[in-house]
Amino acid sequence: MGALAESLEHLVAGQPIVLGITTCHCKVIAAQAPAKFDGLLFNCSQIKEPLECLTLTTLDKKEKLLVPHALLCPAIAKYKRPKGNSHLNFLARYSSNSGMAFGCTEDEALLHGILEVIERHILSLFYMAICKIGPPINLYSPSASLLAMALHNNPHAIKSAQRLQIVVIKDFLGVYFAAAFPRAGAGDLHIASVGSGCSLDVNVALQRAVTEQFQANELYDSAGEELDKKTLELLSSSEKLKHLIEFSSIKNLRLPLIKHQHKQFSASVPHQLQILQNSLSNDGKKIFFRTLTKFANGCSVIQIYIPSLERFNIIRSGNLVAPQHTLLSCPTPTL
């Protein structure tokens, strides 16, 4: 089911014609209220050329946000990337389709998309903490019984997961975040493969992280190797970034345990959406979204953007990117 949903997301994202594009002066983009907390939108003020933008709205449709097309559509950004234009190349480096999500209902798509951008945000904070360019984070490990429950007591999955260092973070935005990577390090690969997951339910976060790590290994191909080789060159060039090659500082740490919770998580999709909205609002953040397509049977593909969330996780795709605090303090987008 997950593979089918992802294939539909990629199909919709790869359409050559994107509806709803408007051309905006960059000072207009940077003058929007949420831009003062978002280094990517904030730095648009330094770009002289008008930019193609997409219009996103809050969930209640009362507020709008203009976001450069290049930030939300990496496939388009790649092919339209202009040579010699450092400002537009800057935006293309941060391009991500994170937050693009399929759902059998609009609420399901929204929930999936919101959790995905939060996941990338916490993954970024995790990377920043490892590199010591962000504050330290409290890390936990799942107990054996909790991990077994998350993996539905599947013997093969449990045995395979024993070779992984599995980290849980539970102190951001009311969600559980999990990351999984090999205790043995990169092994025959250029860099260690990582799986991550995020949910209000710790079991779901763990299952997604572990199975994504399994998937990354199984689907590894020549294109992945070429990208990892490029990433290794970037990470190796910095004393701080090199810690992201195979997470040597934490891959064998004994961490405090999170134990199996006997009460089953049962919040409905609308209830989970409300919980996330409240958590983000309490942290001064707003959810913006756009609808890419709606199918006749009620299924939807949407994309989420939450200003001020981190995209530092892109560093492990071989692109030199910076944290939000650096972008906001930088007078020109030259990083």
Protein backbone atom coordinates (compact mmCIF):
# COMPACT_ATOMS: atom_id res chain seq x y z
CA MET A 1 0.00 0.00 0.00
CA GLY A 2 2.80 2.37 0.90
CA ALA A 3 4.61 1.71 -2.38
CA LEU A 4 1.42 2.29 -4.37
CA ALA A 5 0.72 5.56 -2.55
CA GLU A 6 4.28 6.76 -3.13
CA SER A 7 4.10 5.87 -6.83
CA LEU A 8 0.95 8.00 -7.16
CA GLU A 9 2.68 10.89 -5.39
CA HIS A 10 5.62 10.69 -7.81
CA LEU A 11 3.29 10.38 -10.80
CA VAL A 12 1.44 13.55 -9.84
CA ALA A 13 4.65 15.41 -8.87
CA GLY A 14 6.27 14.55 -12.20
CA GLN A 15 3.59 16.15 -14.38
CA PRO A 16 5.27 18.63 -16.78
CA ILE A 17 2.52 21.24 -16.39
CA VAL A 18 2.01 22.64 -12.90
CA LEU A 19 -1.24 24.54 -12.41
CA GLY A 20 -1.55 27.69 -10.34
CA ILE A 21 1.89 29.19 -10.99
CA THR A 22 2.18 32.97 -10.67
CA THR A 23 5.22 35.18 -11.18
CA CYS A 24 6.07 37.30 -8.14
CA HIS A 25 8.62 39.93 -7.23
CA CYS A 26 10.97 38.50 -4.62
CA LYS A 27 10.47 41.38 -2.21
CA VAL A 28 6.77 40.43 -2.07
CA ILE A 29 7.72 36.86 -1.12
CA ALA A 30 10.12 38.03 1.58
CA ALA A 31 7.63 40.58 2.99
CA GLN A 32 5.06 37.92 3.94
CA ALA A 33 4.61 37.60 7.71
CA PRO A 34 5.79 33.95 7.96
CA ALA A 35 8.95 34.80 6.00
CA LYS A 36 10.58 36.51 8.97
CA PHE A 37 10.92 33.06 10.59
CA ASP A 38 11.85 31.19 7.41
CA GLY A 39 15.39 31.61 6.08
CA LEU A 40 14.50 30.44 2.59
CA LEU A 41 11.63 32.89 2.07
CA PHE A 42 13.51 35.62 3.97
CA ASN A 43 16.51 35.42 1.63
CA CYS A 44 14.31 35.88 -1.42
CA SER A 45 14.59 39.62 -0.75
CA GLN A 46 18.12 39.44 -2.18
CA ILE A 47 16.99 37.99 -5.53
CA LYS A 48 16.39 40.61 -8.22
CA GLU A 49 14.61 38.45 -10.79
CA PRO A 50 10.89 37.64 -10.36
CA LEU A 51 10.23 34.04 -9.34
CA GLU A 52 7.57 31.53 -10.32
CA CYS A 53 5.53 30.82 -7.18
CA LEU A 54 2.78 28.52 -5.98
CA THR A 55 0.01 29.70 -3.66
CA LEU A 56 -0.64 27.65 -0.54
CA THR A 57 -3.36 28.25 2.04
CA THR A 58 -3.89 27.51 5.71
CA LEU A 59 -6.19 24.60 6.54
CA ASP A 60 -9.08 27.01 7.19
CA LYS A 61 -8.38 28.73 3.80
CA LYS A 62 -8.17 32.14 5.52
CA GLU A 63 -4.48 32.88 4.84
CA LYS A 64 -2.31 32.49 1.76
CA LEU A 65 1.42 31.99 1.30
CA LEU A 66 3.50 32.42 -1.85
CA VAL A 67 6.31 29.85 -2.03
CA PRO A 68 8.88 29.70 -4.86
CA HIS A 69 8.07 26.86 -7.22
CA ALA A 70 11.73 25.75 -7.07
CA LEU A 71 11.46 24.96 -3.34
CA LEU A 72 8.52 22.59 -3.73
CA CYS A 73 9.24 20.79 -7.01
CA PRO A 74 12.78 19.35 -7.15
CA ALA A 75 12.28 17.67 -10.53
CA ILE A 76 11.36 21.00 -12.12
CA ALA A 77 14.09 22.87 -10.19
CA LYS A 78 16.70 20.42 -11.48
CA TYR A 79 15.88 20.94 -15.15
CA LYS A 80 15.29 24.69 -14.89
CA ARG A 81 18.38 25.30 -12.76
CA PRO A 82 20.13 28.27 -14.40
CA LYS A 83 23.89 28.26 -14.82
CA GLY A 84 25.70 31.14 -13.20
CA ASN A 85 22.72 32.40 -11.19
CA SER A 86 23.85 31.85 -7.60
CA HIS A 87 20.59 33.12 -6.08
CA LEU A 88 18.35 30.71 -7.97
CA ASN A 89 20.84 27.87 -7.53
CA PHE A 90 20.62 28.59 -3.79
CA LEU A 91 16.87 27.89 -3.81
CA ALA A 92 17.28 24.78 -5.96
CA ARG A 93 19.69 23.28 -3.41
CA TYR A 94 16.93 23.33 -0.81
CA SER A 95 14.26 21.97 -3.15
CA SER A 96 12.26 19.07 -1.76
CA ASN A 97 8.96 17.32 -2.41
CA SER A 98 8.79 16.55 1.31
CA GLY A 99 5.24 16.99 2.52
CA MET A 100 3.73 15.68 -0.72
CA ALA A 101 1.27 13.01 0.32
CA PHE A 102 -1.50 10.75 -0.98
CA GLY A 103 -4.56 9.93 1.09
CA CYS A 104 -7.83 8.09 0.58
CA THR A 105 -9.43 11.26 2.01
CA GLU A 106 -8.16 14.83 2.15
CA ASP A 107 -7.68 14.53 5.92
CA GLU A 108 -5.53 11.41 5.47
CA ALA A 109 -3.38 13.21 2.89
CA LEU A 110 -3.01 16.24 5.17
CA LEU A 111 -2.02 14.07 8.13
CA HIS A 112 0.53 12.15 6.07
CA GLY A 113 2.03 15.36 4.63
CA ILE A 114 2.23 17.20 7.96
CA LEU A 115 3.94 14.26 9.65
CA GLU A 116 6.42 14.00 6.79
CA VAL A 117 7.60 17.61 7.01
CA ILE A 118 7.82 17.32 10.80
CA GLU A 119 9.83 14.12 10.35
CA ARG A 120 12.33 15.89 8.07
CA HIS A 121 12.50 18.78 10.54
CA ILE A 122 13.37 16.53 13.49
CA LEU A 123 15.77 14.50 11.35
CA SER A 124 17.49 17.81 10.56
CA LEU A 125 17.67 18.72 14.26
CA PHE A 126 19.12 15.27 14.94
CA TYR A 127 21.83 15.78 12.30
CA MET A 128 22.57 19.27 13.61
CA ALA A 129 22.98 17.93 17.16
CA ILE A 130 25.38 15.22 15.95
CA CYS A 131 27.45 17.86 14.12
CA LYS A 132 27.30 20.16 17.17
CA ILE A 133 25.83 22.99 15.10
CA GLY A 134 22.56 22.73 17.01
CA PRO A 135 21.61 22.12 20.65
CA PRO A 136 21.91 18.60 22.13
CA ILE A 137 18.84 16.37 21.97
CA ASN A 138 17.59 13.72 24.40
CA LEU A 139 17.86 10.33 22.70
CA TYR A 140 16.11 7.10 23.67
CA SER A 141 15.98 3.50 22.46
CA PRO A 142 12.92 1.24 22.25
CA SER A 143 12.74 -1.65 24.70
CA ALA A 144 12.81 -5.12 23.14
CA SER A 145 9.09 -5.57 23.79
CA LEU A 146 8.20 -2.19 22.28
CA LEU A 147 10.23 -2.90 19.15
CA ALA A 148 8.67 -6.35 18.81
CA MET A 149 5.20 -4.83 19.09
CA ALA A 150 6.05 -2.17 16.48
CA LEU A 151 7.24 -4.90 14.09
CA HIS A 152 4.13 -7.03 14.73
CA ASN A 153 6.27 -9.74 16.36
CA ASN A 154 7.67 -10.70 12.94
CA PRO A 155 10.74 -12.90 13.70
CA HIS A 156 12.62 -11.96 10.51
CA ALA A 157 12.07 -8.22 11.01
CA ILE A 158 13.04 -8.39 14.70
CA LYS A 159 16.24 -10.30 13.89
CA SER A 160 17.18 -7.85 11.12
CA ALA A 161 16.49 -4.89 13.42
CA GLN A 162 19.00 -6.20 15.99
CA ARG A 163 21.86 -5.00 13.78
CA LEU A 164 20.52 -1.45 13.89
CA GLN A 165 20.96 1.40 16.32
CA ILE A 166 17.41 2.70 16.73
CA VAL A 167 17.02 6.16 18.20
CA VAL A 168 13.76 7.70 19.44
CA ILE A 169 13.20 11.44 19.97
CA LYS A 170 10.04 12.55 21.77
CA ASP A 171 10.54 16.17 22.78
CA PHE A 172 9.38 18.07 19.67
CA LEU A 173 5.85 19.06 18.62
CA GLY A 174 4.20 16.25 20.58
CA VAL A 175 5.25 13.49 18.17
CA TYR A 176 7.49 10.45 18.30
CA PHE A 177 10.40 10.42 15.85
CA ALA A 178 12.60 7.39 15.19
CA ALA A 179 15.77 6.87 13.16
CA ALA A 180 17.49 3.57 12.36
CA PHE A 181 21.02 3.00 11.02
CA PRO A 182 23.57 0.14 11.13
CA ARG A 183 25.63 -0.33 14.29
CA ALA A 184 28.43 -1.57 12.04
CA GLY A 185 28.60 1.76 10.22
CA ALA A 186 28.67 2.22 6.45
CA GLY A 187 30.15 -1.22 5.74
CA ASP A 188 30.56 -1.67 1.97
CA LEU A 189 28.62 1.53 1.26
CA HIS A 190 30.01 5.05 1.05
CA ILE A 191 27.75 6.31 3.86
CA ALA A 192 25.48 4.51 6.33
CA SER A 193 21.88 4.17 5.15
CA VAL A 194 19.24 5.72 7.42
CA GLY A 195 15.53 5.11 7.87
CA SER A 196 13.27 7.53 9.73
CA GLY A 197 9.65 7.74 10.82
CA CYS A 198 7.34 10.11 12.66
CA SER A 199 3.92 9.65 14.23
CA LEU A 200 1.81 10.44 17.25
CA ASP A 201 2.00 6.66 17.83
CA VAL A 202 5.47 5.44 18.85
CA ASN A 203 4.81 2.04 17.27
CA VAL A 204 4.15 3.59 13.86
CA ALA A 205 7.24 5.83 14.10
CA LEU A 206 9.44 2.81 14.91
CA GLN A 207 7.93 0.62 12.21
CA ARG A 208 8.43 3.30 9.55
CA ALA A 209 12.04 3.98 10.55
CA VAL A 210 13.09 0.33 10.62
CA THR A 211 11.28 -0.71 7.44
CA GLU A 212 12.57 2.37 5.60
CA GLN A 213 16.12 1.39 6.53
CA PHE A 214 15.46 -2.14 5.21
CA GLN A 215 14.04 -0.63 2.03
CA ALA A 216 17.03 1.68 1.53
CA ASN A 217 19.34 -1.35 1.56
CA GLU A 218 17.17 -3.46 -0.74
CA LEU A 219 16.69 -0.72 -3.35
CA TYR A 220 20.30 0.47 -3.39
CA ASP A 221 21.48 0.81 -7.00
CA SER A 222 24.14 2.49 -9.14
CA ALA A 223 22.34 5.85 -9.01
CA GLY A 224 22.23 5.62 -5.21
CA GLU A 225 25.91 4.75 -5.09
CA GLU A 226 26.79 7.75 -7.27
CA LEU A 227 24.79 10.07 -5.01
CA ASP A 228 26.37 8.58 -1.87
CA LYS A 229 29.83 9.04 -3.37
CA LYS A 230 29.09 12.73 -3.94
CA THR A 231 27.71 13.01 -0.39
CA LEU A 232 30.78 11.32 1.10
CA GLU A 233 33.04 13.89 -0.58
CA LEU A 234 30.99 16.71 0.93
CA LEU A 235 30.77 15.26 4.44
CA SER A 236 34.45 14.26 4.50
CA SER A 237 35.50 17.82 3.72
CA SER A 238 34.28 19.13 7.10
CA GLU A 239 35.30 18.19 10.64
CA LYS A 240 31.73 18.75 11.80
CA LEU A 241 29.88 17.15 8.90
CA LYS A 242 32.01 13.99 8.87
CA HIS A 243 30.05 12.73 11.90
CA LEU A 244 27.10 12.17 9.53
CA ILE A 245 28.96 9.57 7.44
CA GLU A 246 28.20 6.67 9.77
CA PHE A 247 27.11 8.28 13.06
CA SER A 248 30.20 6.94 14.84
CA SER A 249 29.61 9.06 17.95
CA ILE A 250 26.24 7.45 18.74
CA LYS A 251 25.96 4.20 16.77
CA ASN A 252 26.80 2.03 19.78
CA LEU A 253 25.55 4.19 22.65
CA ARG A 254 23.41 2.61 25.36
CA LEU A 255 20.43 4.94 25.61
CA PRO A 256 17.55 5.21 28.11
CA LEU A 257 14.71 2.90 27.14
CA ILE A 258 11.17 3.72 26.11
CA LYS A 259 9.04 0.83 27.27
CA HIS A 260 6.08 -0.88 25.67
CA GLN A 261 2.87 1.06 26.23
CA HIS A 262 -0.01 -1.30 26.89
CA LYS A 263 -2.68 1.28 26.03
CA GLN A 264 -3.29 1.09 22.29
CA PHE A 265 -3.18 4.35 20.32
CA SER A 266 -6.66 4.98 18.91
CA ALA A 267 -6.96 8.65 17.86
CA SER A 268 -8.92 9.13 14.63
CA VAL A 269 -7.43 10.92 11.62
CA PRO A 270 -9.35 14.19 12.30
CA HIS A 271 -8.33 14.03 15.98
CA GLN A 272 -4.66 13.52 15.04
CA LEU A 273 -4.87 16.49 12.67
CA GLN A 274 -6.24 18.66 15.46
CA ILE A 275 -3.50 17.52 17.86
CA LEU A 276 -0.81 18.43 15.33
CA GLN A 277 -2.42 21.78 14.53
CA ASN A 278 -2.49 22.64 18.23
CA SER A 279 1.13 21.54 18.78
CA LEU A 280 2.38 23.57 15.83
CA SER A 281 0.28 26.61 16.77
CA ASN A 282 1.61 26.50 20.35
CA ASP A 283 5.11 26.57 18.84
CA GLY A 284 4.26 29.60 16.67
CA LYS A 285 4.01 27.64 13.42
CA LYS A 286 1.30 27.54 10.73
CA ILE A 287 0.44 24.79 8.26
CA PHE A 288 0.05 25.77 4.60
CA PHE A 289 -0.98 23.37 1.85
CA ARG A 290 -1.90 23.04 -1.81
CA THR A 291 -3.93 20.35 -3.55
CA LEU A 292 -2.18 18.77 -6.52
CA THR A 293 -5.04 16.54 -7.56
CA LYS A 294 -8.33 15.09 -6.39
CA PHE A 295 -9.52 11.77 -7.77
CA ALA A 296 -13.17 11.01 -8.46
CA ASN A 297 -13.25 8.47 -5.61
CA GLY A 298 -12.26 11.09 -3.02
CA CYS A 299 -8.53 10.33 -2.89
CA SER A 300 -6.19 13.34 -2.89
CA VAL A 301 -2.56 14.29 -3.34
CA ILE A 302 -1.55 17.41 -1.41
CA GLN A 303 1.68 19.18 -0.42
CA ILE A 304 2.46 20.78 2.93
CA TYR A 305 4.80 23.68 3.71
CA ILE A 306 5.36 24.88 7.27
CA PRO A 307 7.54 28.03 7.39
CA SER A 308 10.59 27.88 9.69
CA LEU A 309 10.94 24.08 9.65
CA GLU A 310 14.46 22.80 8.97
CA ARG A 311 15.68 21.27 5.70
CA PHE A 312 19.21 20.49 6.90
CA ASN A 313 18.51 16.79 6.28
CA ILE A 314 19.20 17.51 2.59
CA ILE A 315 22.91 17.65 3.52
CA ARG A 316 22.96 13.82 3.25
CA SER A 317 21.86 14.09 -0.38
CA GLY A 318 25.13 15.79 -1.25
CA ASN A 319 23.83 19.38 -1.25
CA LEU A 320 25.53 22.00 0.90
CA VAL A 321 22.68 23.46 2.94
CA ALA A 322 22.49 25.40 6.19
CA PRO A 323 20.21 25.48 9.26
CA GLN A 324 17.45 28.07 9.58
CA HIS A 325 19.33 30.14 12.15
CA THR A 326 22.25 30.52 9.74
CA LEU A 327 19.99 31.45 6.83
CA LEU A 328 18.16 34.05 8.89
CA SER A 329 21.43 35.67 10.00
CA CYS A 330 22.96 35.63 6.53
CA PRO A 331 22.48 38.90 4.59
CA THR A 332 22.73 37.22 1.18
CA PRO A 333 21.84 33.69 0.04
CA THR A 334 25.34 32.54 -0.78
CA LEU A 335 25.52 29.45 1.45
